[in-house]
Amino acid sequence: MRRPRTAGRRATTRRATTRRAALCVALLAPAAGCGLVSGSPMTDAVQPGSIGRGQPLKGAKLTVTSKEFTEQIILGQIMGLAFKAAGAQVVDRTSIQGSIGAREAVRSGTADGMYEYTGTGWITYLGNTTPVVDPHKQWLAVRKGDRANGITWLAPSRLNNTYALAVNDRLQKKYRVRTLSDVAALSKKQRAAATVCVENEFASRDDGLTGMKKKYGMDIPSGNVSKMSGGVVYTQASQGSPCAFGEVFTTDGRIKAMRLNVLRDDRNFFPNYNAAPEMNAATMKKYPRIAQVLAPVTRALNNKVARELNAKVDVEGQDPHQVAKDWMVEKGFLKAS
């Protein structure tokens, strides 16, 4: 079986901008450069566990997809394995480059489903600018808004892969920071101490550094901001140099591995990015029991689980498919023959 590639690719592609998304939609064709590629059959010999009993999807031919970063690949494998346990023939078309390629595959029916993030759906695809603070209401709004696009959102998980700032143990104790409001207070009392490492995209986004500074009243001049690639941000924040604080994603496995502490977004600035199955509406009409199959799996996903699974790939170097399968077996969702 073809294994997913790009295990260590990072989550910057998750939040593709609306402008980029629109451009990719306009250019998309059956073999376009948005990342759509031929998939491979998922050949695992798995049996129903707590899900898939009676094989409610027997006879179905389903294609799963995902974006190209670690968490997305793992989630795509989890969905595919769930379908396999329920009796479906599954094609693995995970690891599509960029948000819009995978999204368009589901919308057009080239793929049947993927795990997507509610914040991405609300802001990037539906074009809204103000996030909904309540996670459940955010999902309800996305589900309602996407119906016209031929997409059905199933019940969401507690996995919320949103932005955050993190700090190492030493500097957290030194500056006594637990929340983003604490960082704002520090920036006014000790401006030189309020240094931040961020990715280029985060530095200029309204739902990134620019908006965060405005929301919290942070006095962080441009000279206190270091821009770099995502992976380097974690390393530098762990070292506490050249910045005290680093932009992270809340489900990244390196947070625990590098002993970083996530600061609480106490004014609810960042959107909710709860992972939920985003399904082609025609597929759901044909196979409505997909919802029943995926519901227990989705309920089991949360930030702790995501960090552990992501770390197995990004820190330990394990294969995303095997990580997903081991977790499904451990949880009793399926049995491996």
Protein backbone atom coordinates (compact mmCIF):
# COMPACT_ATOMS: atom_id res chain seq x y z
CA MET A 1 0.00 0.00 0.00
CA ARG A 2 1.20 3.50 -0.76
CA ARG A 3 2.04 5.25 2.49
CA PRO A 4 1.44 8.97 2.96
CA ARG A 5 4.45 11.11 2.34
CA THR A 6 5.49 14.42 3.92
CA ALA A 7 5.10 13.24 7.49
CA GLY A 8 6.77 16.32 8.91
CA ARG A 9 5.11 18.99 6.82
CA ARG A 10 3.62 21.66 8.95
CA ALA A 11 0.28 23.20 9.50
CA THR A 12 0.79 26.47 7.68
CA THR A 13 -1.18 25.14 4.72
CA ARG A 14 -4.18 24.55 6.99
CA ARG A 15 -5.01 28.21 6.99
CA ALA A 16 -4.69 29.01 3.30
CA THR A 17 -5.95 32.52 2.71
CA THR A 18 -9.26 33.22 1.02
CA ARG A 19 -7.43 34.90 -1.83
CA ARG A 20 -5.26 31.87 -2.46
CA ALA A 21 -8.26 29.58 -2.16
CA ALA A 22 -10.22 31.54 -4.72
CA LEU A 23 -7.32 31.47 -7.14
CA CYS A 24 -6.92 27.73 -6.82
CA VAL A 25 -10.64 27.12 -7.35
CA ALA A 26 -10.51 29.16 -10.52
CA LEU A 27 -7.61 27.15 -11.85
CA LEU A 28 -8.72 23.72 -10.67
CA ALA A 29 -9.07 21.04 -13.34
CA PRO A 30 -9.15 17.23 -13.13
CA ALA A 31 -5.36 17.05 -12.94
CA ALA A 32 -4.67 20.57 -11.75
CA GLY A 33 -1.77 21.76 -9.65
CA CYS A 34 -3.79 22.09 -6.45
CA GLY A 35 -2.51 18.69 -5.41
CA LEU A 36 -5.10 16.24 -6.77
CA VAL A 37 -3.38 12.98 -7.60
CA SER A 38 -4.46 9.42 -8.24
CA GLY A 39 -5.01 7.53 -5.03
CA SER A 40 -4.15 3.99 -3.99
CA PRO A 41 -6.41 1.32 -2.48
CA MET A 42 -6.28 0.98 1.28
CA THR A 43 -5.52 -2.72 1.58
CA ASP A 44 -5.47 -3.27 5.35
CA ALA A 45 -7.14 -6.45 6.53
CA VAL A 46 -9.21 -4.95 9.35
CA GLN A 47 -12.37 -6.15 11.03
CA PRO A 48 -15.10 -4.29 12.91
CA GLY A 49 -14.50 -3.53 16.54
CA SER A 50 -16.83 -1.17 18.35
CA ILE A 51 -17.58 0.44 14.97
CA GLY A 52 -18.54 -1.15 11.67
CA ARG A 53 -20.46 -4.08 13.11
CA GLY A 54 -22.66 -5.64 10.47
CA GLN A 55 -20.52 -3.84 7.85
CA PRO A 56 -23.06 -1.09 7.09
CA LEU A 57 -20.87 0.26 4.27
CA LYS A 58 -20.37 -3.07 2.49
CA GLY A 59 -20.34 -2.51 -1.26
CA ALA A 60 -19.48 1.18 -0.99
CA LYS A 61 -16.43 2.54 -2.78
CA LEU A 62 -15.20 5.58 -0.87
CA THR A 63 -12.25 7.92 -1.35
CA VAL A 64 -10.74 9.77 1.61
CA THR A 65 -8.54 12.82 1.33
CA SER A 66 -6.58 15.25 3.50
CA LYS A 67 -4.21 18.16 3.36
CA GLU A 68 -0.48 17.51 3.42
CA PHE A 69 0.54 18.12 7.04
CA THR A 70 0.95 15.45 9.69
CA GLU A 71 -2.27 15.83 11.63
CA GLN A 72 -4.36 15.92 8.47
CA ILE A 73 -2.72 12.80 7.05
CA ILE A 74 -3.35 10.93 10.30
CA LEU A 75 -7.00 12.03 10.35
CA GLY A 76 -7.41 10.96 6.73
CA GLN A 77 -6.04 7.53 7.58
CA ILE A 78 -8.37 7.27 10.57
CA MET A 79 -11.39 8.02 8.39
CA GLY A 80 -10.31 5.52 5.75
CA LEU A 81 -9.72 2.77 8.30
CA ALA A 82 -13.15 3.41 9.83
CA PHE A 83 -14.73 2.97 6.42
CA LYS A 84 -12.70 -0.22 5.84
CA ALA A 85 -13.87 -1.68 9.15
CA ALA A 86 -17.45 -0.96 8.07
CA GLY A 87 -16.98 -2.96 4.87
CA ALA A 88 -16.21 -0.28 2.28
CA GLN A 89 -13.55 -0.38 -0.40
CA VAL A 90 -11.36 2.65 0.30
CA VAL A 91 -9.08 4.72 -1.90
CA ASP A 92 -6.42 6.72 -0.06
CA ARG A 93 -6.00 10.15 -1.61
CA THR A 94 -4.52 11.88 1.42
CA SER A 95 -1.73 14.47 1.47
CA ILE A 96 -3.08 16.92 -1.10
CA GLN A 97 -1.07 20.13 -1.15
CA GLY A 98 -2.93 23.11 0.27
CA SER A 99 -6.33 23.50 1.85
CA ILE A 100 -8.34 24.17 -1.26
CA GLY A 101 -7.21 21.10 -3.23
CA ALA A 102 -8.60 18.70 -0.65
CA ARG A 103 -11.70 20.82 -0.13
CA GLU A 104 -12.44 20.92 -3.86
CA ALA A 105 -11.99 17.17 -4.11
CA VAL A 106 -14.77 16.70 -1.54
CA ARG A 107 -17.00 19.38 -3.02
CA SER A 108 -16.73 18.00 -6.55
CA GLY A 109 -17.11 14.36 -5.52
CA THR A 110 -13.57 13.41 -6.56
CA ALA A 111 -13.23 12.42 -2.91
CA ASP A 112 -16.02 11.51 -0.51
CA GLY A 113 -14.76 13.01 2.71
CA MET A 114 -12.03 14.38 4.94
CA TYR A 115 -11.57 15.89 8.38
CA GLU A 116 -11.67 19.68 8.08
CA TYR A 117 -11.52 22.48 10.62
CA THR A 118 -14.57 24.59 11.45
CA GLY A 119 -12.59 27.83 11.55
CA THR A 120 -11.18 27.15 8.10
CA GLY A 121 -14.65 26.46 6.78
CA TRP A 122 -16.12 29.60 8.34
CA ILE A 123 -13.36 32.06 7.41
CA THR A 124 -11.48 30.66 4.42
CA TYR A 125 -14.24 28.95 2.46
CA LEU A 126 -17.37 30.83 3.50
CA GLY A 127 -15.63 34.20 3.55
CA ASN A 128 -16.54 35.38 7.05
CA THR A 129 -14.19 37.63 9.00
CA THR A 130 -15.49 37.32 12.56
CA PRO A 131 -15.19 33.92 14.26
CA VAL A 132 -18.00 32.49 16.36
CA VAL A 133 -16.76 32.21 19.95
CA ASP A 134 -18.81 29.17 20.97
CA PRO A 135 -17.32 26.05 19.30
CA HIS A 136 -20.67 24.32 18.81
CA LYS A 137 -22.31 27.41 17.37
CA GLN A 138 -19.29 27.83 15.08
CA TRP A 139 -19.86 24.31 13.75
CA LEU A 140 -23.60 24.90 13.34
CA ALA A 141 -22.91 28.07 11.36
CA VAL A 142 -20.43 26.28 9.07
CA ARG A 143 -22.76 23.33 8.55
CA LYS A 144 -25.60 25.64 7.57
CA GLY A 145 -23.46 27.85 5.35
CA ASP A 146 -21.88 24.96 3.44
CA ARG A 147 -25.10 23.16 2.51
CA ALA A 148 -25.41 25.25 -0.63
CA ASN A 149 -21.95 24.04 -1.68
CA GLY A 150 -22.96 20.38 -1.62
CA ILE A 151 -21.02 19.67 1.54
CA THR A 152 -22.30 18.03 4.74
CA TRP A 153 -20.51 18.61 8.03
CA LEU A 154 -20.88 15.81 10.57
CA ALA A 155 -20.61 16.27 14.34
CA PRO A 156 -17.32 17.88 15.43
CA SER A 157 -14.57 16.67 17.73
CA ARG A 158 -13.00 18.44 20.69
CA LEU A 159 -9.74 18.56 18.75
CA ASN A 160 -9.16 22.30 18.30
CA ASN A 161 -6.04 22.98 16.23
CA THR A 162 -5.90 26.73 16.58
CA TYR A 163 -3.15 29.31 16.98
CA ALA A 164 -1.52 30.02 20.33
CA LEU A 165 1.58 31.52 21.92
CA ALA A 166 3.86 29.27 23.94
CA VAL A 167 6.76 29.84 26.33
CA ASN A 168 9.31 27.59 27.99
CA ASP A 169 9.27 26.75 31.70
CA ARG A 170 12.09 29.11 32.68
CA LEU A 171 10.62 32.22 31.08
CA GLN A 172 7.09 31.42 32.19
CA LYS A 173 8.29 31.43 35.80
CA LYS A 174 10.45 34.51 35.27
CA TYR A 175 7.70 36.64 33.70
CA ARG A 176 4.74 34.98 35.46
CA VAL A 177 2.72 34.65 32.29
CA ARG A 178 -0.23 32.28 31.96
CA THR A 179 -2.47 34.12 29.51
CA LEU A 180 -2.22 36.41 26.49
CA SER A 181 -3.39 39.24 28.74
CA ASP A 182 -0.28 38.59 30.83
CA VAL A 183 1.85 38.99 27.70
CA ALA A 184 0.10 42.29 26.96
CA ALA A 185 0.87 43.52 30.48
CA LEU A 186 4.49 42.42 30.12
CA SER A 187 4.81 44.27 26.80
CA LYS A 188 3.88 47.52 28.55
CA LYS A 189 6.03 47.04 31.64
CA GLN A 190 9.06 45.38 30.03
CA ARG A 191 8.80 45.97 26.31
CA ALA A 192 12.23 44.43 25.62
CA ALA A 193 11.06 41.17 27.19
CA ALA A 194 8.02 40.81 24.91
CA THR A 195 9.77 39.17 21.96
CA VAL A 196 7.91 36.84 19.61
CA CYS A 197 8.92 34.27 16.99
CA VAL A 198 6.30 33.72 14.28
CA GLU A 199 5.83 32.40 10.78
CA ASN A 200 5.64 34.98 8.00
CA GLU A 201 1.94 34.36 7.36
CA PHE A 202 0.97 34.72 11.02
CA ALA A 203 2.84 38.02 11.26
CA SER A 204 0.51 39.79 8.83
CA ARG A 205 -2.84 38.02 9.29
CA ASP A 206 -5.81 39.76 10.90
CA ASP A 207 -6.45 36.51 12.78
CA GLY A 208 -2.74 36.32 13.59
CA LEU A 209 -0.22 38.66 15.20
CA THR A 210 -1.77 41.89 13.88
CA GLY A 211 -5.23 41.12 15.24
CA MET A 212 -3.92 39.60 18.45
CA LYS A 213 -1.91 42.71 19.30
CA LYS A 214 -4.96 44.89 18.69
CA LYS A 215 -7.34 42.68 20.67
CA TYR A 216 -5.09 42.49 23.71
CA GLY A 217 -3.46 45.92 23.47
CA MET A 218 0.02 44.43 23.17
CA ASP A 219 2.89 46.89 22.75
CA ILE A 220 5.14 44.71 20.60
CA PRO A 221 7.18 46.74 18.08
CA SER A 222 8.35 45.19 14.81
CA GLY A 223 11.87 44.96 16.20
CA ASN A 224 10.61 42.46 18.79
CA VAL A 225 9.19 40.13 16.12
CA SER A 226 11.35 37.45 14.47
CA LYS A 227 9.92 35.80 11.35
CA MET A 228 10.95 32.24 10.46
CA SER A 229 9.68 28.85 9.29
CA GLY A 230 7.26 26.95 11.51
CA GLY A 231 9.64 24.27 12.68
CA VAL A 232 12.28 26.80 13.74
CA VAL A 233 9.70 28.71 15.82
CA TYR A 234 9.32 25.71 18.14
CA THR A 235 13.08 25.34 18.52
CA GLN A 236 13.66 29.01 19.26
CA ALA A 237 10.76 29.25 21.69
CA SER A 238 12.08 26.16 23.49
CA GLN A 239 15.48 27.84 23.82
CA GLY A 240 13.92 31.17 24.78
CA SER A 241 16.10 32.95 22.24
CA PRO A 242 15.88 35.14 20.20
CA CYS A 243 12.30 35.28 21.45
CA ALA A 244 10.49 34.58 24.68
CA PHE A 245 7.26 33.56 22.99
CA GLY A 246 6.56 31.45 19.92
CA GLU A 247 3.52 31.00 17.69
CA VAL A 248 2.38 27.37 17.84
CA PHE A 249 -0.54 25.19 16.87
CA THR A 250 -2.35 23.80 19.87
CA THR A 251 -2.30 20.16 18.77
CA ASP A 252 1.35 20.03 17.68
CA GLY A 253 3.24 17.10 19.19
CA ARG A 254 6.37 19.18 19.64
CA ILE A 255 4.73 21.30 22.34
CA LYS A 256 5.13 18.51 24.89
CA ALA A 257 8.36 17.17 23.44
CA MET A 258 10.02 20.60 23.74
CA ARG A 259 8.47 21.34 27.14
CA LEU A 260 6.55 24.37 25.96
CA ASN A 261 3.59 25.88 27.82
CA VAL A 262 0.61 27.14 25.83
CA LEU A 263 -0.72 30.50 27.03
CA ARG A 264 -4.48 30.75 27.45
CA ASP A 265 -6.38 32.90 24.97
CA ASP A 266 -8.40 34.47 27.80
CA ARG A 267 -10.23 36.95 25.54
CA ASN A 268 -11.17 34.32 22.93
CA PHE A 269 -9.39 36.01 20.04
CA PHE A 270 -8.40 33.01 17.95
CA PRO A 271 -11.10 31.17 15.96
CA ASN A 272 -12.14 27.64 16.89
CA TYR A 273 -10.58 25.11 14.53
CA ASN A 274 -12.41 21.98 15.65
CA ALA A 275 -11.86 18.99 13.37
CA ALA A 276 -15.06 17.52 11.92
CA PRO A 277 -15.88 15.20 9.01
CA GLU A 278 -16.55 17.27 5.89
CA MET A 279 -18.44 14.99 3.50
CA ASN A 280 -19.74 15.20 -0.04
CA ALA A 281 -23.52 15.65 0.30
CA ALA A 282 -24.35 13.16 -2.48
CA THR A 283 -22.19 10.54 -0.76
CA MET A 284 -24.03 11.09 2.52
CA LYS A 285 -27.38 10.76 0.78
CA LYS A 286 -26.28 7.46 -0.71
CA TYR A 287 -24.56 6.16 2.43
CA PRO A 288 -26.17 7.91 5.43
CA ARG A 289 -24.71 5.35 7.86
CA ILE A 290 -21.32 6.99 7.40
CA ALA A 291 -22.39 9.34 10.18
CA GLN A 292 -22.99 6.40 12.52
CA VAL A 293 -19.60 4.88 11.68
CA LEU A 294 -17.59 8.08 12.22
CA ALA A 295 -19.39 9.49 15.27
CA PRO A 296 -17.61 7.44 18.00
CA VAL A 297 -14.21 7.99 16.37
CA THR A 298 -14.72 11.74 16.11
CA ARG A 299 -15.88 11.93 19.75
CA ALA A 300 -12.61 10.32 20.84
CA LEU A 301 -10.46 13.00 19.19
CA ASN A 302 -9.18 15.84 21.36
CA ASN A 303 -6.04 17.94 21.71
CA LYS A 304 -4.27 15.45 23.96
CA VAL A 305 -4.85 12.61 21.50
CA ALA A 306 -3.77 14.78 18.57
CA ARG A 307 -0.57 15.86 20.27
CA GLU A 308 0.33 12.26 21.08
CA LEU A 309 -0.38 11.00 17.57
CA ASN A 310 1.34 13.95 15.90
CA ALA A 311 4.41 13.46 18.10
CA LYS A 312 4.70 9.82 17.04
CA VAL A 313 5.18 11.07 13.49
CA ASP A 314 6.99 14.40 13.91
CA VAL A 315 9.15 13.51 16.91
CA GLU A 316 9.55 9.72 16.73
CA GLY A 317 9.47 9.39 12.93
CA GLN A 318 6.70 6.79 12.74
CA ASP A 319 4.50 6.26 9.69
CA PRO A 320 1.19 8.22 9.81
CA HIS A 321 -0.87 5.28 8.56
CA GLN A 322 0.51 2.92 11.18
CA VAL A 323 0.04 5.54 13.90
CA ALA A 324 -3.61 5.91 12.92
CA LYS A 325 -4.15 2.15 12.75
CA ASP A 326 -2.48 1.48 16.10
CA TRP A 327 -4.68 4.10 17.75
CA MET A 328 -7.85 2.68 16.18
CA VAL A 329 -6.94 -0.80 17.43
CA GLU A 330 -5.97 0.48 20.88
CA LYS A 331 -9.32 2.27 21.21
CA GLY A 332 -11.13 -0.87 20.14
CA PHE A 333 -12.70 0.76 17.09
CA LEU A 334 -11.39 -2.00 14.84
CA LYS A 335 -9.45 -5.25 14.92
CA ALA A 336 -6.40 -5.93 12.81
CA SER A 337 -6.34 -9.32 11.16
